[in-house]
Amino acid sequence: IPVAEETGLIADIGEYVIRQAAQDYPSLAAGTTHELPVLAINVSTAQLSDESFPDLVARTLDSTPVPAN
């Protein structure tokens, strides 16, 4: 992670991880009778400092079945 942050790749890696996790979310609970689990994704401080991060999260939530709550 430190190398990705230093080279500026953390934004691309983080975006991939967020989108992939959101797309895979429904299949994680497939076959269970329980509610879908809470989806938690670790992000770096560099991602949180990026002013476009909230927009990435909003776009991901809008385009996937992951509930915003």
PDB file of N, CA and C in Angstrom:
ATOM      1  N   ILE A   1       0.821  -1.189   0.000  1.00  0.00           N
ATOM      2  CA  ILE A   1       0.000   0.000   0.000  1.00  0.00           C
ATOM      3  C   ILE A   1       0.872   1.263   0.000  1.00  0.00           C
ATOM      4  N   PRO A   2       1.942   1.299   0.799  1.00  0.00           N
ATOM      5  CA  PRO A   2       2.774   2.506   0.754  1.00  0.00           C
ATOM      6  C   PRO A   2       3.341   2.787  -0.643  1.00  0.00           C
ATOM      7  N   VAL A   3       3.749   1.755  -1.360  1.00  0.00           N
ATOM      8  CA  VAL A   3       4.275   1.960  -2.714  1.00  0.00           C
ATOM      9  C   VAL A   3       3.177   2.469  -3.633  1.00  0.00           C
ATOM     10  N   ALA A   4       1.987   1.913  -3.513  1.00  0.00           N
ATOM     11  CA  ALA A   4       0.865   2.369  -4.340  1.00  0.00           C
ATOM     12  C   ALA A   4       0.528   3.822  -4.030  1.00  0.00           C
ATOM     13  N   GLU A   5       0.601   4.202  -2.758  1.00  0.00           N
ATOM     14  CA  GLU A   5       0.346   5.592  -2.402  1.00  0.00           C
ATOM     15  C   GLU A   5       1.438   6.509  -2.942  1.00  0.00           C
ATOM     16  N   GLU A   6       2.691   6.087  -2.819  1.00  0.00           N
ATOM     17  CA  GLU A   6       3.814   6.906  -3.281  1.00  0.00           C
ATOM     18  C   GLU A   6       3.814   7.099  -4.792  1.00  0.00           C
ATOM     19  N   THR A   7       3.384   6.078  -5.530  1.00  0.00           N
ATOM     20  CA  THR A   7       3.402   6.150  -6.992  1.00  0.00           C
ATOM     21  C   THR A   7       2.112   6.704  -7.575  1.00  0.00           C
ATOM     22  N   GLY A   8       1.126   6.933  -6.724  1.00  0.00           N
ATOM     23  CA  GLY A   8      -0.141   7.465  -7.200  1.00  0.00           C
ATOM     24  C   GLY A   8      -1.088   6.403  -7.734  1.00  0.00           C
ATOM     25  N   LEU A   9      -0.719   5.146  -7.618  1.00  0.00           N
ATOM     26  CA  LEU A   9      -1.576   4.058  -8.113  1.00  0.00           C
ATOM     27  C   LEU A   9      -2.699   3.704  -7.151  1.00  0.00           C
ATOM     28  N   ILE A  10      -2.647   4.219  -5.938  1.00  0.00           N
ATOM     29  CA  ILE A  10      -3.644   3.838  -4.945  1.00  0.00           C
ATOM     30  C   ILE A  10      -5.055   4.206  -5.381  1.00  0.00           C
ATOM     31  N   ALA A  11      -5.212   5.300  -6.096  1.00  0.00           N
ATOM     32  CA  ALA A  11      -6.550   5.703  -6.544  1.00  0.00           C
ATOM     33  C   ALA A  11      -7.121   4.670  -7.510  1.00  0.00           C
ATOM     34  N   ASP A  12      -6.320   4.215  -8.468  1.00  0.00           N
ATOM     35  CA  ASP A  12      -6.798   3.219  -9.426  1.00  0.00           C
ATOM     36  C   ASP A  12      -7.064   1.876  -8.751  1.00  0.00           C
ATOM     37  N   ILE A  13      -6.166   1.480  -7.876  1.00  0.00           N
ATOM     38  CA  ILE A  13      -6.344   0.206  -7.161  1.00  0.00           C
ATOM     39  C   ILE A  13      -7.582   0.291  -6.271  1.00  0.00           C
ATOM     40  N   GLY A  14      -7.705   1.392  -5.541  1.00  0.00           N
ATOM     41  CA  GLY A  14      -8.856   1.564  -4.652  1.00  0.00           C
ATOM     42  C   GLY A  14     -10.166   1.579  -5.403  1.00  0.00           C
ATOM     43  N   GLU A  15     -10.192   2.248  -6.546  1.00  0.00           N
ATOM     44  CA  GLU A  15     -11.419   2.280  -7.348  1.00  0.00           C
ATOM     45  C   GLU A  15     -11.787   0.878  -7.817  1.00  0.00           C
ATOM     46  N   TYR A  16     -10.797   0.116  -8.271  1.00  0.00           N
ATOM     47  CA  TYR A  16     -11.051  -1.260  -8.700  1.00  0.00           C
ATOM     48  C   TYR A  16     -11.626  -2.088  -7.550  1.00  0.00           C
ATOM     49  N   VAL A  17     -11.014  -1.987  -6.380  1.00  0.00           N
ATOM     50  CA  VAL A  17     -11.453  -2.784  -5.229  1.00  0.00           C
ATOM     51  C   VAL A  17     -12.885  -2.417  -4.830  1.00  0.00           C
ATOM     52  N   ILE A  18     -13.176  -1.137  -4.786  1.00  0.00           N
ATOM     53  CA  ILE A  18     -14.523  -0.694  -4.409  1.00  0.00           C
ATOM     54  C   ILE A  18     -15.557  -1.182  -5.414  1.00  0.00           C
ATOM     55  N   ARG A  19     -15.289  -0.984  -6.692  1.00  0.00           N
ATOM     56  CA  ARG A  19     -16.245  -1.424  -7.717  1.00  0.00           C
ATOM     57  C   ARG A  19     -16.413  -2.943  -7.723  1.00  0.00           C
ATOM     58  N   GLN A  20     -15.309  -3.680  -7.609  1.00  0.00           N
ATOM     59  CA  GLN A  20     -15.387  -5.140  -7.638  1.00  0.00           C
ATOM     60  C   GLN A  20     -16.138  -5.670  -6.429  1.00  0.00           C
ATOM     61  N   ALA A  21     -15.862  -5.123  -5.266  1.00  0.00           N
ATOM     62  CA  ALA A  21     -16.565  -5.564  -4.058  1.00  0.00           C
ATOM     63  C   ALA A  21     -18.060  -5.292  -4.163  1.00  0.00           C
ATOM     64  N   ALA A  22     -18.421  -4.137  -4.699  1.00  0.00           N
ATOM     65  CA  ALA A  22     -19.839  -3.803  -4.850  1.00  0.00           C
ATOM     66  C   ALA A  22     -20.519  -4.704  -5.877  1.00  0.00           C
ATOM     67  N   GLN A  23     -19.822  -5.028  -6.948  1.00  0.00           N
ATOM     68  CA  GLN A  23     -20.399  -5.909  -7.962  1.00  0.00           C
ATOM     69  C   GLN A  23     -20.543  -7.334  -7.440  1.00  0.00           C
ATOM     70  N   ASP A  24     -19.608  -7.771  -6.596  1.00  0.00           N
ATOM     71  CA  ASP A  24     -19.648  -9.128  -6.052  1.00  0.00           C
ATOM     72  C   ASP A  24     -20.568  -9.256  -4.844  1.00  0.00           C
ATOM     73  N   TYR A  25     -21.003  -8.152  -4.304  1.00  0.00           N
ATOM     74  CA  TYR A  25     -21.803  -8.135  -3.081  1.00  0.00           C
ATOM     75  C   TYR A  25     -22.998  -9.092  -3.106  1.00  0.00           C
ATOM     76  N   PRO A  26     -23.839  -9.078  -4.145  1.00  0.00           N
ATOM     77  CA  PRO A  26     -25.003  -9.981  -4.126  1.00  0.00           C
ATOM     78  C   PRO A  26     -24.619 -11.459  -4.102  1.00  0.00           C
ATOM     79  N   SER A  27     -23.573 -11.832  -4.775  1.00  0.00           N
ATOM     80  CA  SER A  27     -23.193 -13.247  -4.821  1.00  0.00           C
ATOM     81  C   SER A  27     -22.559 -13.718  -3.517  1.00  0.00           C
ATOM     82  N   LEU A  28     -22.108 -12.791  -2.692  1.00  0.00           N
ATOM     83  CA  LEU A  28     -21.518 -13.175  -1.409  1.00  0.00           C
ATOM     84  C   LEU A  28     -22.543 -13.832  -0.494  1.00  0.00           C
ATOM     85  N   ALA A  29     -23.775 -13.409  -0.604  1.00  0.00           N
ATOM     86  CA  ALA A  29     -24.822 -13.942   0.266  1.00  0.00           C
ATOM     87  C   ALA A  29     -25.747 -14.917  -0.470  1.00  0.00           C
ATOM     88  N   ALA A  30     -25.404 -15.274  -1.680  1.00  0.00           N
ATOM     89  CA  ALA A  30     -26.252 -16.192  -2.448  1.00  0.00           C
ATOM     90  C   ALA A  30     -26.394 -17.521  -1.699  1.00  0.00           C
ATOM     91  N   GLY A  31     -27.599 -17.971  -1.646  1.00  0.00           N
ATOM     92  CA  GLY A  31     -27.855 -19.254  -1.006  1.00  0.00           C
ATOM     93  C   GLY A  31     -28.047 -19.179   0.496  1.00  0.00           C
ATOM     94  N   THR A  32     -27.996 -18.021   1.067  1.00  0.00           N
ATOM     95  CA  THR A  32     -28.200 -17.885   2.499  1.00  0.00           C
ATOM     96  C   THR A  32     -29.597 -17.343   2.772  1.00  0.00           C
ATOM     97  N   THR A  33     -30.125 -17.666   3.910  1.00  0.00           N
ATOM     98  CA  THR A  33     -31.449 -17.162   4.280  1.00  0.00           C
ATOM     99  C   THR A  33     -31.323 -15.881   5.098  1.00  0.00           C
ATOM    100  N   HIS A  34     -30.114 -15.465   5.361  1.00  0.00           N
ATOM    101  CA  HIS A  34     -29.874 -14.264   6.153  1.00  0.00           C
ATOM    102  C   HIS A  34     -29.869 -13.033   5.254  1.00  0.00           C
ATOM    103  N   GLU A  35     -30.026 -11.890   5.897  1.00  0.00           N
ATOM    104  CA  GLU A  35     -29.901 -10.643   5.154  1.00  0.00           C
ATOM    105  C   GLU A  35     -28.489 -10.545   4.598  1.00  0.00           C
ATOM    106  N   LEU A  36     -28.340  -9.772   3.530  1.00  0.00           N
ATOM    107  CA  LEU A  36     -27.004  -9.569   3.002  1.00  0.00           C
ATOM    108  C   LEU A  36     -26.129  -8.933   4.072  1.00  0.00           C
ATOM    109  N   PRO A  37     -24.886  -9.365   4.161  1.00  0.00           N
ATOM    110  CA  PRO A  37     -24.002  -8.808   5.187  1.00  0.00           C
ATOM    111  C   PRO A  37     -23.625  -7.365   4.873  1.00  0.00           C
ATOM    112  N   VAL A  38     -23.156  -6.697   5.890  1.00  0.00           N
ATOM    113  CA  VAL A  38     -22.648  -5.347   5.715  1.00  0.00           C
ATOM    114  C   VAL A  38     -21.379  -5.447   4.870  1.00  0.00           C
ATOM    115  N   LEU A  39     -21.244  -4.557   3.931  1.00  0.00           N
ATOM    116  CA  LEU A  39     -20.048  -4.534   3.091  1.00  0.00           C
ATOM    117  C   LEU A  39     -19.095  -3.491   3.642  1.00  0.00           C
ATOM    118  N   ALA A  40     -17.917  -3.916   4.049  1.00  0.00           N
ATOM    119  CA  ALA A  40     -16.904  -2.999   4.570  1.00  0.00           C
ATOM    120  C   ALA A  40     -15.666  -3.107   3.695  1.00  0.00           C
ATOM    121  N   ILE A  41     -15.148  -1.972   3.301  1.00  0.00           N
ATOM    122  CA  ILE A  41     -13.959  -1.930   2.446  1.00  0.00           C
ATOM    123  C   ILE A  41     -12.949  -0.999   3.094  1.00  0.00           C
ATOM    124  N   ASN A  42     -11.737  -1.486   3.290  1.00  0.00           N
ATOM    125  CA  ASN A  42     -10.680  -0.634   3.822  1.00  0.00           C
ATOM    126  C   ASN A  42     -10.186   0.291   2.720  1.00  0.00           C
ATOM    127  N   VAL A  43      -9.984   1.534   3.077  1.00  0.00           N
ATOM    128  CA  VAL A  43      -9.447   2.520   2.141  1.00  0.00           C
ATOM    129  C   VAL A  43      -8.252   3.203   2.805  1.00  0.00           C
ATOM    130  N   SER A  44      -7.375   3.711   1.988  1.00  0.00           N
ATOM    131  CA  SER A  44      -6.186   4.378   2.514  1.00  0.00           C
ATOM    132  C   SER A  44      -6.498   5.834   2.841  1.00  0.00           C
ATOM    133  N   THR A  45      -5.652   6.422   3.637  1.00  0.00           N
ATOM    134  CA  THR A  45      -5.821   7.836   3.954  1.00  0.00           C
ATOM    135  C   THR A  45      -5.670   8.689   2.700  1.00  0.00           C
ATOM    136  N   ALA A  46      -4.867   8.216   1.744  1.00  0.00           N
ATOM    137  CA  ALA A  46      -4.726   8.951   0.482  1.00  0.00           C
ATOM    138  C   ALA A  46      -6.057   8.992  -0.263  1.00  0.00           C
ATOM    139  N   GLN A  47      -6.792   7.895  -0.231  1.00  0.00           N
ATOM    140  CA  GLN A  47      -8.099   7.865  -0.886  1.00  0.00           C
ATOM    141  C   GLN A  47      -9.071   8.801  -0.178  1.00  0.00           C
ATOM    142  N   LEU A  48      -9.059   8.787   1.142  1.00  0.00           N
ATOM    143  CA  LEU A  48      -9.966   9.655   1.899  1.00  0.00           C
ATOM    144  C   LEU A  48      -9.644  11.126   1.685  1.00  0.00           C
ATOM    145  N   SER A  49      -8.397  11.423   1.382  1.00  0.00           N
ATOM    146  CA  SER A  49      -7.981  12.804   1.138  1.00  0.00           C
ATOM    147  C   SER A  49      -8.323  13.281  -0.269  1.00  0.00           C
ATOM    148  N   ASP A  50      -8.627  12.346  -1.154  1.00  0.00           N
ATOM    149  CA  ASP A  50      -8.940  12.679  -2.547  1.00  0.00           C
ATOM    150  C   ASP A  50     -10.346  13.269  -2.614  1.00  0.00           C
ATOM    151  N   GLU A  51     -10.453  14.482  -3.129  1.00  0.00           N
ATOM    152  CA  GLU A  51     -11.763  15.155  -3.167  1.00  0.00           C
ATOM    153  C   GLU A  51     -12.776  14.443  -4.051  1.00  0.00           C
ATOM    154  N   SER A  52     -12.327  13.563  -4.943  1.00  0.00           N
ATOM    155  CA  SER A  52     -13.265  12.841  -5.806  1.00  0.00           C
ATOM    156  C   SER A  52     -13.742  11.525  -5.180  1.00  0.00           C
ATOM    157  N   PHE A  53     -13.220  11.170  -4.004  1.00  0.00           N
ATOM    158  CA  PHE A  53     -13.586   9.902  -3.372  1.00  0.00           C
ATOM    159  C   PHE A  53     -15.084   9.796  -3.079  1.00  0.00           C
ATOM    160  N   PRO A  54     -15.714  10.814  -2.508  1.00  0.00           N
ATOM    161  CA  PRO A  54     -17.164  10.697  -2.267  1.00  0.00           C
ATOM    162  C   PRO A  54     -17.961  10.463  -3.556  1.00  0.00           C
ATOM    163  N   ASP A  55     -17.531  11.081  -4.654  1.00  0.00           N
ATOM    164  CA  ASP A  55     -18.218  10.873  -5.934  1.00  0.00           C
ATOM    165  C   ASP A  55     -18.055   9.430  -6.412  1.00  0.00           C
ATOM    166  N   LEU A  56     -16.865   8.862  -6.208  1.00  0.00           N
ATOM    167  CA  LEU A  56     -16.641   7.465  -6.579  1.00  0.00           C
ATOM    168  C   LEU A  56     -17.588   6.560  -5.803  1.00  0.00           C
ATOM    169  N   VAL A  57     -17.699   6.790  -4.515  1.00  0.00           N
ATOM    170  CA  VAL A  57     -18.585   5.966  -3.682  1.00  0.00           C
ATOM    171  C   VAL A  57     -20.036   6.146  -4.132  1.00  0.00           C
ATOM    172  N   ALA A  58     -20.442   7.367  -4.370  1.00  0.00           N
ATOM    173  CA  ALA A  58     -21.820   7.624  -4.809  1.00  0.00           C
ATOM    174  C   ALA A  58     -22.118   6.960  -6.148  1.00  0.00           C
ATOM    175  N   ARG A  59     -21.218   7.085  -7.112  1.00  0.00           N
ATOM    176  CA  ARG A  59     -21.420   6.450  -8.427  1.00  0.00           C
ATOM    177  C   ARG A  59     -21.482   4.939  -8.295  1.00  0.00           C
ATOM    178  N   THR A  60     -20.640   4.382  -7.436  1.00  0.00           N
ATOM    179  CA  THR A  60     -20.633   2.932  -7.235  1.00  0.00           C
ATOM    180  C   THR A  60     -21.942   2.474  -6.628  1.00  0.00           C
ATOM    181  N   LEU A  61     -22.426   3.192  -5.622  1.00  0.00           N
ATOM    182  CA  LEU A  61     -23.705   2.825  -5.003  1.00  0.00           C
ATOM    183  C   LEU A  61     -24.861   2.962  -5.982  1.00  0.00           C
ATOM    184  N   ASP A  62     -24.800   3.964  -6.844  1.00  0.00           N
ATOM    185  CA  ASP A  62     -25.868   4.156  -7.831  1.00  0.00           C
ATOM    186  C   ASP A  62     -25.895   3.060  -8.900  1.00  0.00           C
ATOM    187  N   SER A  63     -24.746   2.477  -9.173  1.00  0.00           N
ATOM    188  CA  SER A  63     -24.669   1.528 -10.282  1.00  0.00           C
ATOM    189  C   SER A  63     -24.611   0.060  -9.839  1.00  0.00           C
ATOM    190  N   THR A  64     -24.751  -0.194  -8.531  1.00  0.00           N
ATOM    191  CA  THR A  64     -24.711  -1.560  -8.019  1.00  0.00           C
ATOM    192  C   THR A  64     -25.846  -1.752  -7.018  1.00  0.00           C
ATOM    193  N   PRO A  65     -26.122  -3.003  -6.648  1.00  0.00           N
ATOM    194  CA  PRO A  65     -27.213  -3.261  -5.703  1.00  0.00           C
ATOM    195  C   PRO A  65     -26.834  -3.066  -4.238  1.00  0.00           C
ATOM    196  N   VAL A  66     -25.701  -2.492  -3.956  1.00  0.00           N
ATOM    197  CA  VAL A  66     -25.288  -2.289  -2.573  1.00  0.00           C
ATOM    198  C   VAL A  66     -26.112  -1.154  -1.972  1.00  0.00           C
ATOM    199  N   PRO A  67     -26.805  -1.416  -0.871  1.00  0.00           N
ATOM    200  CA  PRO A  67     -27.585  -0.361  -0.238  1.00  0.00           C
ATOM    201  C   PRO A  67     -26.668   0.676   0.423  1.00  0.00           C
ATOM    202  N   ALA A  68     -27.025   1.917   0.336  1.00  0.00           N
ATOM    203  CA  ALA A  68     -26.191   2.987   0.893  1.00  0.00           C
ATOM    204  C   ALA A  68     -26.144   2.975   2.405  1.00  0.00           C
ATOM    205  N   ASN A  69     -27.115   2.346   3.021  1.00  0.00           N
ATOM    206  CA  ASN A  69     -27.107   2.340   4.490  1.00  0.00           C
ATOM    207  C   ASN A  69     -26.101   1.365   5.021  1.00  0.00           C
TER     208      ASN A  69
END
